[in-house]
N, C-alpha and C. Protein backbone atom coordinates (compact mmCIF):
# COMPACT_ATOMS: atom_id res chain seq x y z
N UNK A 1 33.79 41.26 -185.01
CA UNK A 1 34.16 41.87 -183.66
C UNK A 1 35.97 42.23 -183.69
N UNK A 2 36.70 41.40 -184.22
CA UNK A 2 38.02 41.60 -184.08
C UNK A 2 38.43 42.84 -184.92
N UNK A 3 37.82 43.02 -186.05
CA UNK A 3 37.88 44.08 -187.01
C UNK A 3 37.74 45.57 -186.04
N UNK A 4 36.70 45.56 -185.31
CA UNK A 4 36.41 46.68 -184.55
C UNK A 4 37.47 47.00 -183.45
N UNK A 5 37.98 45.96 -182.89
CA UNK A 5 38.99 46.02 -181.73
C UNK A 5 40.32 46.71 -182.51
N UNK A 6 40.75 46.04 -183.70
CA UNK A 6 41.86 46.73 -184.44
C UNK A 6 41.65 48.22 -184.90
N UNK A 7 40.52 48.47 -185.34
CA UNK A 7 40.09 49.76 -185.54
C UNK A 7 40.16 50.79 -184.48
N UNK A 8 39.63 50.24 -183.32
CA UNK A 8 39.64 51.13 -182.20
C UNK A 8 41.14 51.30 -181.60
N UNK A 9 42.08 50.13 -181.76
CA UNK A 9 43.44 50.26 -181.51
C UNK A 9 44.25 51.24 -182.54
N UNK A 10 43.91 51.43 -183.53
CA UNK A 10 44.59 52.18 -184.60
C UNK A 10 44.12 53.52 -184.27
N UNK A 11 42.95 53.92 -184.13
CA UNK A 11 42.39 55.19 -183.85
C UNK A 11 42.97 55.87 -182.44
N UNK A 12 43.18 54.96 -181.45
CA UNK A 12 43.68 55.41 -180.48
C UNK A 12 45.36 55.60 -180.55
N UNK A 13 46.20 54.86 -181.19
CA UNK A 13 47.42 55.07 -181.48
C UNK A 13 47.72 56.45 -182.11
N UNK A 14 46.79 56.51 -183.20
CA UNK A 14 47.04 57.86 -183.95
C UNK A 14 46.69 59.07 -183.10
N UNK A 15 45.74 58.97 -182.22
CA UNK A 15 45.24 60.11 -181.51
C UNK A 15 46.33 60.39 -180.50
N UNK A 16 46.79 59.40 -179.77
CA UNK A 16 47.90 59.56 -178.80
C UNK A 16 48.96 60.10 -179.17
N UNK A 17 49.38 59.48 -180.59
CA UNK A 17 50.52 59.99 -181.20
C UNK A 17 50.55 61.57 -181.63
N UNK A 18 49.50 61.86 -182.30
CA UNK A 18 49.26 63.27 -182.44
C UNK A 18 49.46 64.35 -181.30
N UNK A 19 48.70 63.95 -180.12
CA UNK A 19 48.46 64.48 -179.04
C UNK A 19 50.14 64.57 -178.53
N UNK A 20 50.70 63.68 -178.33
CA UNK A 20 51.91 63.48 -177.62
C UNK A 20 53.19 64.48 -178.46
N UNK A 21 53.00 64.43 -179.95
CA UNK A 21 54.00 65.17 -180.71
C UNK A 21 53.54 66.46 -180.53
N UNK A 22 52.27 67.01 -180.56
CA UNK A 22 51.87 68.34 -180.30
C UNK A 22 52.49 68.82 -179.14
N UNK A 23 52.18 68.18 -178.15
CA UNK A 23 52.74 68.65 -176.65
C UNK A 23 54.37 68.75 -176.68
N UNK A 24 55.17 67.80 -177.21
CA UNK A 24 56.26 67.62 -177.35
C UNK A 24 56.89 68.89 -178.03
N UNK A 25 56.03 69.12 -179.15
CA UNK A 25 56.89 70.31 -179.91
C UNK A 25 56.53 71.73 -179.22
N UNK A 26 55.48 71.78 -178.45
CA UNK A 26 55.14 72.89 -177.57
C UNK A 26 56.08 73.13 -176.56
N UNK A 27 56.63 72.03 -175.85
CA UNK A 27 57.59 72.11 -174.92
C UNK A 27 59.06 72.50 -175.49
N UNK A 28 59.35 72.14 -176.76
CA UNK A 28 60.59 72.39 -177.22
C UNK A 28 60.59 73.82 -177.66
N UNK A 29 59.46 74.25 -177.99
CA UNK A 29 59.40 75.93 -178.52
C UNK A 29 59.65 76.84 -177.30
N UNK A 30 58.89 76.10 -176.11
CA UNK A 30 58.98 76.91 -174.94
C UNK A 30 60.39 76.93 -174.25
N UNK A 31 60.97 75.78 -174.41
CA UNK A 31 62.44 75.58 -173.82
C UNK A 31 63.46 76.46 -174.68
N UNK A 32 63.39 76.56 -176.03
CA UNK A 32 64.11 77.12 -176.87
C UNK A 32 64.09 78.80 -176.72
N UNK A 33 62.69 79.25 -176.50
CA UNK A 33 62.53 80.67 -176.24
C UNK A 33 61.54 80.97 -175.02
N UNK A 34 61.96 80.89 -173.98
CA UNK A 34 61.12 81.34 -172.76
C UNK A 34 60.40 82.38 -172.87
N UNK A 35 60.75 83.38 -173.36
CA UNK A 35 60.25 84.79 -173.54
C UNK A 35 58.90 84.81 -174.34
N UNK A 36 58.74 83.57 -174.90
CA UNK A 36 57.44 83.56 -175.67
C UNK A 36 56.26 82.99 -175.19
N UNK A 37 56.35 82.44 -173.73
CA UNK A 37 55.42 81.97 -172.68
C UNK A 37 54.24 82.81 -172.72
N UNK A 38 54.40 84.08 -172.42
CA UNK A 38 53.12 85.01 -172.26
C UNK A 38 52.43 85.11 -173.73
N UNK A 39 53.42 85.24 -174.65
CA UNK A 39 52.56 85.28 -176.04
C UNK A 39 51.74 84.02 -176.31
N UNK A 40 52.46 82.71 -176.02
CA UNK A 40 51.72 81.70 -176.32
C UNK A 40 50.21 81.64 -175.30
N UNK A 41 50.50 82.01 -174.16
CA UNK A 41 49.51 82.09 -173.30
C UNK A 41 48.23 82.97 -173.83
N UNK A 42 48.58 84.13 -174.17
CA UNK A 42 47.91 85.10 -174.74
C UNK A 42 47.07 84.52 -175.90
N UNK A 43 47.66 83.82 -176.97
CA UNK A 43 47.03 83.12 -177.93
C UNK A 43 46.00 82.07 -177.68
N UNK A 44 46.49 81.23 -176.63
CA UNK A 44 45.50 80.21 -176.07
C UNK A 44 44.35 80.80 -175.52
N UNK A 45 44.50 81.99 -174.72
CA UNK A 45 43.33 82.46 -174.09
C UNK A 45 42.49 83.23 -174.96
N UNK A 46 43.10 83.58 -176.09
CA UNK A 46 42.30 84.33 -177.16
C UNK A 46 41.37 83.33 -177.87
N UNK A 47 42.06 82.08 -178.26
CA UNK A 47 41.30 80.97 -178.83
C UNK A 47 40.24 80.43 -178.02
N UNK A 48 40.48 80.25 -176.83
CA UNK A 48 39.39 79.97 -175.81
C UNK A 48 38.39 80.83 -175.75
N UNK A 49 38.38 82.07 -175.69
CA UNK A 49 37.46 83.21 -175.86
C UNK A 49 36.62 83.25 -176.95
N UNK A 50 37.28 82.95 -178.16
CA UNK A 50 36.59 82.91 -179.48
C UNK A 50 35.55 81.87 -179.54
N UNK A 51 36.02 80.72 -178.98
CA UNK A 51 35.20 79.36 -179.04
C UNK A 51 33.89 79.71 -178.12
N UNK A 52 34.13 80.43 -177.06
CA UNK A 52 33.11 80.43 -176.11
C UNK A 52 31.90 81.50 -176.41
N UNK A 53 32.21 82.13 -177.19
CA UNK A 53 30.88 83.05 -177.78
C UNK A 53 30.66 84.28 -177.00
N UNK A 54 31.51 84.42 -175.81
CA UNK A 54 31.28 85.68 -175.00
C UNK A 54 31.51 86.87 -175.57
N UNK A 55 30.54 87.79 -175.37
CA UNK A 55 30.86 89.03 -175.94
C UNK A 55 31.49 90.25 -175.07
N UNK A 56 31.89 89.86 -174.14
CA UNK A 56 32.76 90.56 -173.05
C UNK A 56 33.96 91.18 -173.81
N UNK A 57 34.75 92.13 -173.23
CA UNK A 57 35.99 92.76 -173.69
C UNK A 57 37.12 91.46 -173.53
N UNK A 58 37.79 91.15 -174.49
CA UNK A 58 38.92 90.16 -174.43
C UNK A 58 39.97 90.47 -173.44
N UNK A 59 40.67 89.36 -172.99
CA UNK A 59 41.73 89.63 -171.86
C UNK A 59 42.98 90.14 -172.66
N UNK A 60 43.63 91.00 -172.01
CA UNK A 60 44.85 91.53 -172.52
C UNK A 60 46.04 91.17 -171.45
N UNK A 61 47.06 90.77 -172.01
CA UNK A 61 48.19 90.65 -171.24
C UNK A 61 49.21 91.70 -171.41
N UNK A 62 49.70 92.44 -170.42
CA UNK A 62 50.59 93.46 -170.57
C UNK A 62 52.04 93.31 -169.91
N UNK A 63 52.87 93.62 -170.69
CA UNK A 63 54.32 93.37 -169.90
C UNK A 63 54.55 94.29 -169.06
N UNK A 64 55.45 94.05 -168.04
CA UNK A 64 55.94 95.19 -167.04
C UNK A 64 57.19 95.75 -167.50
């Protein structure tokens, strides 16, 4: 029983660490170059579209 508890804690700590470090890296990248925000959003939308399996026209972001 105690083994499963420690395994659960270890997995959660690793998962939270990876999640937080990824989020922190993204925030630093956006703070260093705010002009890349539309590019990052477009990439995220494109990745979401590829996973959903929709066959509709992809979303395009255009600069003004």
